[in-house]
Protein backbone atom coordinates (compact mmCIF):
# COMPACT_ATOMS: atom_id res chain seq x y z
CA MET A 1 12.71 -10.10 4.83
CA GLU A 2 12.40 -8.51 8.24
CA ILE A 3 12.29 -4.72 8.42
CA SER A 4 12.94 -2.69 11.52
CA ASN A 5 12.51 1.07 11.82
CA LYS A 6 12.51 2.91 15.13
CA THR A 7 9.76 5.26 13.88
CA ILE A 8 7.43 2.36 12.99
CA ASP A 9 5.91 0.00 15.57
CA ASN A 10 8.41 1.32 18.11
CA GLY A 11 11.18 -0.52 16.29
CA LYS A 12 9.51 -3.94 16.43
CA ALA A 13 10.47 -6.00 13.36
CA PHE A 14 7.92 -6.94 10.71
CA ASP A 15 8.00 -8.88 7.45
CA TRP A 16 5.33 -8.47 4.76
CA GLY A 17 6.33 -11.87 3.40
CA ARG A 18 4.66 -13.50 6.40
CA ALA A 19 1.33 -11.98 5.39
CA SER A 20 1.57 -12.71 1.66
CA LYS A 21 -1.23 -15.30 1.56
CA GLU A 22 -3.72 -13.02 3.34
CA TYR A 23 -2.35 -9.97 1.54
CA ALA A 24 -3.04 -11.55 -1.86
CA LYS A 25 -6.59 -12.44 -0.88
CA TYR A 26 -7.68 -9.52 1.29
CA ARG A 27 -5.61 -6.42 0.51
CA ASP A 28 -6.99 -5.92 -2.99
CA ILE A 29 -9.61 -3.55 -1.60
CA TYR A 30 -9.36 -0.28 -3.51
CA PRO A 31 -12.70 0.54 -5.17
CA LYS A 32 -13.04 1.31 -8.88
CA GLU A 33 -13.23 5.03 -8.07
CA PHE A 34 -9.69 4.91 -6.69
CA TYR A 35 -8.22 3.70 -9.98
CA GLU A 36 -10.41 6.00 -12.04
CA LYS A 37 -8.96 8.94 -10.13
CA LEU A 38 -5.41 7.85 -10.97
CA ALA A 39 -6.33 7.59 -14.65
CA GLU A 40 -7.91 11.06 -14.50
CA LEU A 41 -4.54 12.33 -13.27
CA SER A 42 -2.86 10.61 -16.25
CA LEU A 43 -1.13 8.09 -14.01
CA GLY A 44 -0.92 4.56 -15.43
CA ILE A 45 -2.57 5.22 -18.77
CA LYS A 46 -1.95 3.94 -22.30
CA GLY A 47 1.46 4.67 -23.73
CA GLN A 48 3.19 5.07 -20.36
CA GLU A 49 5.99 3.09 -18.73
CA VAL A 50 5.15 2.93 -15.01
CA LEU A 51 7.12 1.62 -12.02
CA ASP A 52 5.29 0.55 -8.87
CA ILE A 53 7.69 0.40 -5.93
CA GLY A 54 6.64 -1.59 -2.87
CA THR A 55 4.21 -3.35 -5.19
CA GLY A 56 3.34 -6.14 -2.74
CA THR A 57 1.17 -8.65 -4.60
CA GLY A 58 0.89 -6.31 -7.57
CA VAL A 59 -2.42 -4.76 -6.52
CA ILE A 60 -1.89 -1.44 -8.32
CA PRO A 61 -0.42 -2.82 -11.60
CA ARG A 62 -3.05 -5.56 -11.85
CA ASN A 63 -5.98 -3.24 -11.26
CA MET A 64 -4.60 -0.50 -13.52
CA TYR A 65 -3.61 -2.94 -16.27
CA GLY A 66 -6.74 -2.28 -18.31
CA TYR A 67 -5.88 1.41 -18.62
CA GLY A 68 -3.08 0.46 -20.98
CA ALA A 69 0.25 1.32 -19.35
CA ASN A 70 3.24 -1.01 -19.37
CA TRP A 71 3.87 -1.87 -15.71
CA THR A 72 6.91 -2.92 -13.69
CA GLY A 73 6.56 -3.86 -10.03
CA VAL A 74 9.29 -4.07 -7.39
CA ASP A 75 9.08 -5.31 -3.81
CA ILE A 76 11.56 -6.32 -1.13
CA SER A 77 9.62 -9.51 -0.30
CA GLU A 78 10.17 -12.57 -2.46
CA ASN A 79 6.90 -14.04 -1.18
CA GLN A 80 4.95 -10.95 -2.18
CA ILE A 81 6.46 -10.98 -5.67
CA SER A 82 5.70 -14.69 -6.02
CA TYR A 83 2.01 -14.00 -5.41
CA ALA A 84 2.11 -10.96 -7.73
CA GLU A 85 3.50 -13.08 -10.54
CA GLN A 86 1.01 -15.87 -9.95
CA LEU A 87 -2.02 -13.58 -9.84
CA SER A 88 -0.89 -11.65 -12.91
CA LYS A 89 -0.28 -14.83 -14.88
CA GLU A 90 -3.69 -16.24 -13.93
CA ALA A 91 -5.28 -13.02 -15.20
CA GLY A 92 -3.31 -13.12 -18.46
CA MET A 93 -1.42 -9.93 -17.64
CA ASP A 94 2.10 -9.18 -18.87
CA ILE A 95 3.66 -7.38 -15.90
CA SER A 96 7.37 -7.47 -15.03
CA TYR A 97 8.20 -8.03 -11.36
CA TYR A 98 11.52 -7.85 -9.49
CA VAL A 99 12.58 -8.64 -5.93
CA SER A 100 14.48 -5.65 -4.63
CA ALA A 101 14.52 -3.14 -1.83
CA ALA A 102 13.29 0.21 -3.10
CA GLU A 103 16.68 1.74 -2.28
CA ASP A 104 18.44 -0.83 -4.50
CA ILE A 105 16.38 -0.44 -7.68
CA ASP A 106 18.45 0.42 -10.73
CA PHE A 107 16.67 1.15 -13.99
CA PRO A 108 18.02 3.30 -16.84
CA ASP A 109 17.85 7.08 -16.74
CA GLY A 110 14.60 8.51 -18.09
CA ASN A 111 12.96 5.10 -18.26
CA PHE A 112 9.55 5.83 -16.70
CA ASP A 113 6.69 8.21 -17.31
CA ALA A 114 5.47 7.66 -13.75
CA VAL A 115 6.60 6.04 -10.51
CA ILE A 116 3.99 4.98 -7.95
CA ALA A 117 4.39 4.28 -4.22
CA CYS A 118 1.16 3.08 -2.59
CA GLN A 119 0.92 2.48 1.18
CA CYS A 120 4.69 2.11 1.40
CA PHE A 121 6.55 5.41 1.09
CA MET A 122 6.94 5.70 4.86
CA TYR A 123 9.23 2.63 4.83
CA PHE A 124 11.82 4.00 2.41
CA ASN A 125 15.04 5.91 2.96
CA LYS A 126 14.08 9.08 1.14
CA ASP A 127 17.65 10.36 0.86
CA VAL A 128 18.45 7.28 -1.23
CA ILE A 129 15.26 6.58 -3.16
CA LEU A 130 14.22 10.08 -4.24
CA PRO A 131 17.33 10.88 -6.33
CA LYS A 132 16.91 7.48 -8.01
CA ILE A 133 13.26 8.16 -8.82
CA HIS A 134 14.22 11.58 -10.19
CA ARG A 135 16.90 10.01 -12.38
CA MET A 136 14.66 7.20 -13.67
CA LEU A 137 11.79 9.52 -14.63
CA LYS A 138 11.47 11.06 -18.06
CA PRO A 139 11.81 14.88 -18.20
CA ASP A 140 8.04 15.32 -17.82
CA GLY A 141 7.63 12.34 -15.48
CA HIS A 142 5.54 12.15 -12.32
CA PHE A 143 6.00 10.53 -8.92
CA ALA A 144 2.81 9.71 -6.99
CA VAL A 145 2.53 8.78 -3.32
CA LEU A 146 -0.80 7.10 -2.56
CA PHE A 147 -2.33 6.32 0.80
CA MET A 148 -5.72 5.07 1.95
CA ALA A 149 -6.53 4.55 5.63
CA TRP A 150 -9.68 3.62 7.52
CA LEU A 151 -10.97 6.18 10.01
CA PRO A 152 -11.51 4.47 13.39
CA GLU A 153 -13.18 7.48 14.99
CA GLU A 154 -15.90 7.24 12.35
CA SER A 155 -16.38 3.47 12.41
CA GLU A 156 -17.03 1.48 15.57
CA ILE A 157 -16.02 -1.69 13.73
CA ALA A 158 -12.64 -0.25 12.70
CA LYS A 159 -12.07 1.19 16.16
CA THR A 160 -12.83 -2.08 17.94
CA SER A 161 -10.68 -4.06 15.50
CA GLU A 162 -7.78 -1.72 16.21
CA GLU A 163 -8.24 -2.21 19.94
CA ILE A 164 -8.07 -5.98 19.53
CA VAL A 165 -4.89 -5.70 17.44
CA LEU A 166 -3.30 -3.46 20.08
CA LYS A 167 -4.23 -5.92 22.82
CA TYR A 168 -1.93 -8.48 21.24
CA ASN A 169 0.58 -6.12 19.66
CA PRO A 170 0.79 -2.86 21.66
CA SER A 171 3.84 -1.82 19.61
CA TRP A 172 1.74 -1.43 16.46
CA THR A 173 1.58 2.19 15.31
CA GLY A 174 -0.63 1.68 12.25
CA GLY A 175 -3.90 2.69 13.90
CA HIS A 176 -5.60 5.89 15.09
CA MET A 177 -5.56 7.45 11.63
CA THR A 178 -7.40 10.76 11.13
CA ARG A 179 -7.81 13.21 8.28
CA TYR A 180 -4.91 15.58 7.71
CA THR A 181 -4.13 18.51 5.43
CA LEU A 182 -1.66 17.97 2.63
CA GLU A 183 1.21 20.39 2.22
CA THR A 184 4.06 20.48 -0.26
CA PRO A 185 6.40 17.74 0.99
CA ALA A 186 9.76 18.89 2.27
CA TRP A 187 11.34 16.00 0.38
CA CYS A 188 10.50 17.65 -2.96
CA LYS A 189 13.53 19.92 -2.48
CA ASP A 190 14.81 20.93 -5.91
CA MET A 191 13.81 17.65 -7.60
CA PHE A 192 9.99 17.81 -7.72
CA GLU A 193 7.10 20.24 -7.63
CA PRO A 194 3.45 19.52 -6.76
CA ALA A 195 1.14 18.74 -9.68
CA HIS A 196 -1.90 17.46 -7.75
CA MET A 197 -2.55 17.24 -4.01
CA LEU A 198 -5.84 15.46 -3.35
CA THR A 199 -7.74 14.16 -0.34
CA TYR A 200 -11.18 12.59 -0.29
CA ASP A 201 -13.34 10.15 1.65
CA LEU A 202 -14.09 6.76 0.15
CA PRO A 203 -16.35 4.10 1.67
CA VAL A 204 -15.11 0.53 1.18
CA THR A 205 -17.51 -2.41 1.47
CA PHE A 206 -16.48 -5.49 3.46
CA THR A 207 -17.97 -8.74 4.63
CA ARG A 208 -17.13 -10.17 8.04
CA ASP A 209 -14.62 -12.50 6.38
CA SER A 210 -12.97 -9.89 4.17
CA TRP A 211 -12.62 -7.37 7.02
CA HIS A 212 -11.17 -10.02 9.29
CA GLY A 213 -8.74 -10.96 6.52
CA ARG A 214 -7.90 -7.31 5.90
CA ILE A 215 -6.98 -6.81 9.54
CA LYS A 216 -5.01 -10.06 9.69
CA ALA A 217 -3.03 -8.87 6.65
CA CYS A 218 -1.98 -5.66 8.42
CA ARG A 219 1.46 -4.93 9.83
CA GLY A 220 0.20 -5.37 13.37
CA ILE A 221 -0.81 -9.03 12.96
CA GLY A 222 0.10 -11.01 9.85
CA ALA A 223 3.33 -9.18 9.06
CA SER A 224 4.36 -8.81 12.70
CA SER A 225 6.80 -10.84 14.72
CA LEU A 226 4.01 -12.20 16.95
CA SER A 227 4.16 -15.90 17.69
CA GLN A 228 1.72 -18.27 16.00
CA GLU A 229 0.05 -18.77 19.37
CA GLU A 230 -0.49 -15.02 19.73
CA ILE A 231 -1.87 -14.72 16.20
CA THR A 232 -4.21 -17.66 16.81
CA ALA A 233 -5.47 -16.04 20.02
CA TRP A 234 -6.01 -12.73 18.20
CA GLU A 235 -7.83 -14.52 15.39
CA ARG A 236 -10.16 -16.28 17.83
CA GLU A 237 -11.06 -13.03 19.59
CA HIS A 238 -11.45 -10.97 16.44
CA MET A 239 -13.59 -13.62 14.75
CA ALA A 240 -15.83 -13.70 17.81
CA TYR A 241 -16.24 -9.94 17.51
CA MET A 242 -17.06 -10.28 13.81
CA GLN A 243 -20.09 -12.40 14.73
CA THR A 244 -21.57 -9.34 16.47
CA VAL A 245 -21.51 -7.06 13.40
CA PRO A 246 -23.59 -7.13 10.18
CA GLU A 247 -22.56 -9.59 7.49
CA VAL A 248 -21.87 -6.72 5.06
CA PHE A 249 -20.80 -3.19 6.05
CA ASP A 250 -18.90 -0.14 4.85
CA ILE A 251 -15.74 1.25 6.43
CA LEU A 252 -15.03 4.90 5.63
CA HIS A 253 -11.49 5.47 4.37
CA TYR A 254 -9.46 8.63 3.79
CA VAL A 255 -7.48 8.80 0.54
CA THR A 256 -4.49 11.05 -0.08
CA ILE A 257 -2.72 11.46 -3.40
CA ILE A 258 0.49 13.45 -3.67
CA ASP A 259 1.41 13.73 -7.35
CA VAL A 260 4.63 15.61 -8.04
CA SER A 261 6.33 16.33 -11.34
CA LYS A 262 10.01 16.19 -12.09
CA VAL A 263 11.91 19.46 -12.31
């Protein structure tokens, strides 16, 4: 399903369903430390009912499955959910998935101990989704917004890859990320209050192939409305660049976790 938002990619439409194959293979990149931190914050642990909105191919539920929570994943893209179901089944995981826009989800009141939104909260209509999340959470429930971005000013590889993406898709606004200070979100209003506000650096190891796949699976290429000819041309140029870098390398990422509790 195509999405268009004037604040994202200058209004140019994108569809995560187009990138589902690469997304399933190359976007499962969060290191073990990332999931351990969520468990330390009592997010996704044994005895909890957890909803992952914008679940994509089920990366968060699948990787947190061993911590014991009962997971439900929702995503607007049928293709993404298809891959999530397939990957979960192959791993012997019992995870419920639904195709739905975040704004259209409708679960019973007080159904979840935690709701997670990873790499996706910027796409949602907060005036619609936040009251729903508040309603669906248990009285002591938590809502966590997770984000992890590479830092191009601290990695020549990331910076050059961004430049090649922008050459073919100058509308893409997903690059140029830097560290930033977390503050209590204005959207908390009278529904939530901060429980944990964390930022930290996290190196992520890639090979030439996995980094190329990670970039192809981004909104600027695989999910974009570029033509197949444009994507092929990008792929040729980016792969040529990959031959100039080490076979294995780390890309420094910046992680932010905003964990708020229901009031």
